[in-house]
Amino acid sequence: MTYGYSQRLVDAIQNDDSKSLDVALGKFLLRNNIPVTEASEALGVSRMTIYNWLMGETHPSKENGFRIIGWMRTYKKAQREAKEKHVPL
């Protein structure tokens, strides 16, 4: 389990097979061990907003959806480049 995520939240994310953006974000955060604080700062939203998305209480707006997709792509690209150069993130 990633530090900072409750087991209930981890289970909810991992057991959700939907293709929604909030579920994709949750799986992305868990897979990459990214704390909610880091994601909230990168996306310009509060930690509570991230938690609400992850629990399905609310859903990202279209604008935030674009931010999420862009951030995840940028993050994955940086990981690939670091791996190719053998540089730790």
C-alpha atoms as a PDB file:
ATOM      1  CA  MET A   1       0.000   0.000   0.000  1.00  0.00           C
ATOM      2  CA  THR A   2       1.210   3.463  -0.833  1.00  0.00           C
ATOM      3  CA  TYR A   3       1.832   5.624   2.223  1.00  0.00           C
ATOM      4  CA  GLY A   4      -0.975   8.089   2.778  1.00  0.00           C
ATOM      5  CA  TYR A   5      -3.707   6.036   1.100  1.00  0.00           C
ATOM      6  CA  SER A   6      -6.147   4.126   3.270  1.00  0.00           C
ATOM      7  CA  GLN A   7      -6.614   0.452   2.516  1.00  0.00           C
ATOM      8  CA  ARG A   8     -10.271   1.211   1.785  1.00  0.00           C
ATOM      9  CA  LEU A   9      -9.315   3.709  -0.903  1.00  0.00           C
ATOM     10  CA  VAL A  10      -6.665   1.420  -2.384  1.00  0.00           C
ATOM     11  CA  ASP A  11      -9.170  -1.449  -2.551  1.00  0.00           C
ATOM     12  CA  ALA A  12     -11.835   0.777  -4.108  1.00  0.00           C
ATOM     13  CA  ILE A  13      -9.443   1.967  -6.809  1.00  0.00           C
ATOM     14  CA  GLN A  14      -7.939  -1.436  -7.545  1.00  0.00           C
ATOM     15  CA  ASN A  15     -11.316  -3.177  -7.720  1.00  0.00           C
ATOM     16  CA  ASP A  16     -12.934  -0.604 -10.011  1.00  0.00           C
ATOM     17  CA  ASP A  17     -12.875  -1.794 -13.621  1.00  0.00           C
ATOM     18  CA  SER A  18     -14.447   1.326 -15.089  1.00  0.00           C
ATOM     19  CA  LYS A  19     -12.522   3.380 -17.599  1.00  0.00           C
ATOM     20  CA  SER A  20     -13.354   6.718 -15.999  1.00  0.00           C
ATOM     21  CA  LEU A  21     -10.684   9.367 -15.692  1.00  0.00           C
ATOM     22  CA  ASP A  22     -10.885   9.495 -11.896  1.00  0.00           C
ATOM     23  CA  VAL A  23     -10.272   5.728 -11.660  1.00  0.00           C
ATOM     24  CA  ALA A  24      -7.410   6.014 -14.165  1.00  0.00           C
ATOM     25  CA  LEU A  25      -5.916   8.792 -12.040  1.00  0.00           C
ATOM     26  CA  GLY A  26      -6.208   6.693  -8.892  1.00  0.00           C
ATOM     27  CA  LYS A  27      -4.530   3.693 -10.498  1.00  0.00           C
ATOM     28  CA  PHE A  28      -1.829   5.964 -11.913  1.00  0.00           C
ATOM     29  CA  LEU A  29      -1.115   7.479  -8.482  1.00  0.00           C
ATOM     30  CA  LEU A  30      -0.942   4.065  -6.814  1.00  0.00           C
ATOM     31  CA  ARG A  31       1.174   2.467  -9.542  1.00  0.00           C
ATOM     32  CA  ASN A  32       3.689   5.300  -9.419  1.00  0.00           C
ATOM     33  CA  ASN A  33       3.613   5.821  -5.631  1.00  0.00           C
ATOM     34  CA  ILE A  34       2.599   9.446  -6.076  1.00  0.00           C
ATOM     35  CA  PRO A  35       1.202  11.115  -2.949  1.00  0.00           C
ATOM     36  CA  VAL A  36      -2.066  13.023  -3.210  1.00  0.00           C
ATOM     37  CA  THR A  37      -0.207  16.173  -2.173  1.00  0.00           C
ATOM     38  CA  GLU A  38       2.070  15.940  -5.215  1.00  0.00           C
ATOM     39  CA  ALA A  39      -0.866  15.340  -7.544  1.00  0.00           C
ATOM     40  CA  SER A  40      -2.904  18.183  -6.066  1.00  0.00           C
ATOM     41  CA  GLU A  41      -0.005  20.616  -6.446  1.00  0.00           C
ATOM     42  CA  ALA A  42       0.683  19.500 -10.018  1.00  0.00           C
ATOM     43  CA  LEU A  43      -2.984  19.815 -10.977  1.00  0.00           C
ATOM     44  CA  GLY A  44      -3.696  23.037  -9.083  1.00  0.00           C
ATOM     45  CA  VAL A  45      -6.486  21.565  -6.946  1.00  0.00           C
ATOM     46  CA  SER A  46      -6.852  20.758  -3.265  1.00  0.00           C
ATOM     47  CA  ARG A  47      -5.995  17.385  -1.745  1.00  0.00           C
ATOM     48  CA  MET A  48      -9.667  17.026  -0.832  1.00  0.00           C
ATOM     49  CA  THR A  49     -10.614  17.452  -4.482  1.00  0.00           C
ATOM     50  CA  ILE A  50      -8.276  14.604  -5.429  1.00  0.00           C
ATOM     51  CA  TYR A  51      -9.730  12.394  -2.679  1.00  0.00           C
ATOM     52  CA  ASN A  52     -13.268  13.250  -3.808  1.00  0.00           C
ATOM     53  CA  TRP A  53     -12.389  12.225  -7.367  1.00  0.00           C
ATOM     54  CA  LEU A  54     -10.768   9.000  -6.199  1.00  0.00           C
ATOM     55  CA  MET A  55     -13.777   8.057  -4.050  1.00  0.00           C
ATOM     56  CA  GLY A  56     -16.240   8.938  -6.812  1.00  0.00           C
ATOM     57  CA  GLU A  57     -17.846  11.708  -4.762  1.00  0.00           C
ATOM     58  CA  THR A  58     -17.238  14.194  -7.566  1.00  0.00           C
ATOM     59  CA  HIS A  59     -15.703  14.007 -11.022  1.00  0.00           C
ATOM     60  CA  PRO A  60     -13.099  16.227 -12.701  1.00  0.00           C
ATOM     61  CA  SER A  61     -14.404  19.055 -14.843  1.00  0.00           C
ATOM     62  CA  LYS A  62     -13.521  19.015 -18.522  1.00  0.00           C
ATOM     63  CA  GLU A  63     -10.737  21.541 -17.852  1.00  0.00           C
ATOM     64  CA  ASN A  64      -9.323  19.447 -15.004  1.00  0.00           C
ATOM     65  CA  GLY A  65      -9.665  16.356 -17.158  1.00  0.00           C
ATOM     66  CA  PHE A  66      -7.325  17.912 -19.714  1.00  0.00           C
ATOM     67  CA  ARG A  67      -4.908  18.852 -16.910  1.00  0.00           C
ATOM     68  CA  ILE A  68      -4.947  15.288 -15.554  1.00  0.00           C
ATOM     69  CA  ILE A  69      -4.290  13.722 -18.948  1.00  0.00           C
ATOM     70  CA  GLY A  70      -1.499  16.193 -19.708  1.00  0.00           C
ATOM     71  CA  TRP A  71       0.137  15.697 -16.324  1.00  0.00           C
ATOM     72  CA  MET A  72       0.005  11.908 -16.537  1.00  0.00           C
ATOM     73  CA  ARG A  73       1.551  11.985 -20.030  1.00  0.00           C
ATOM     74  CA  THR A  74       4.284  14.361 -18.910  1.00  0.00           C
ATOM     75  CA  TYR A  75       4.998  12.246 -15.834  1.00  0.00           C
ATOM     76  CA  LYS A  76       5.216   9.018 -17.874  1.00  0.00           C
ATOM     77  CA  LYS A  77       7.480  10.693 -20.438  1.00  0.00           C
ATOM     78  CA  ALA A  78       9.808  11.934 -17.680  1.00  0.00           C
ATOM     79  CA  GLN A  79       9.921   8.422 -16.199  1.00  0.00           C
ATOM     80  CA  ARG A  80      10.829   6.881 -19.566  1.00  0.00           C
ATOM     81  CA  GLU A  81      13.534   9.461 -20.186  1.00  0.00           C
ATOM     82  CA  ALA A  82      14.976   9.003 -16.698  1.00  0.00           C
ATOM     83  CA  LYS A  83      14.985   5.240 -17.141  1.00  0.00           C
ATOM     84  CA  GLU A  84      16.776   5.545 -20.473  1.00  0.00           C
ATOM     85  CA  LYS A  85      19.397   7.763 -18.849  1.00  0.00           C
ATOM     86  CA  HIS A  86      19.400   5.702 -15.639  1.00  0.00           C
ATOM     87  CA  VAL A  87      18.616   8.805 -13.624  1.00  0.00           C
ATOM     88  CA  PRO A  88      16.435   8.348 -10.517  1.00  0.00           C
ATOM     89  CA  LEU A  89      13.378  10.633 -10.300  1.00  0.00           C
END
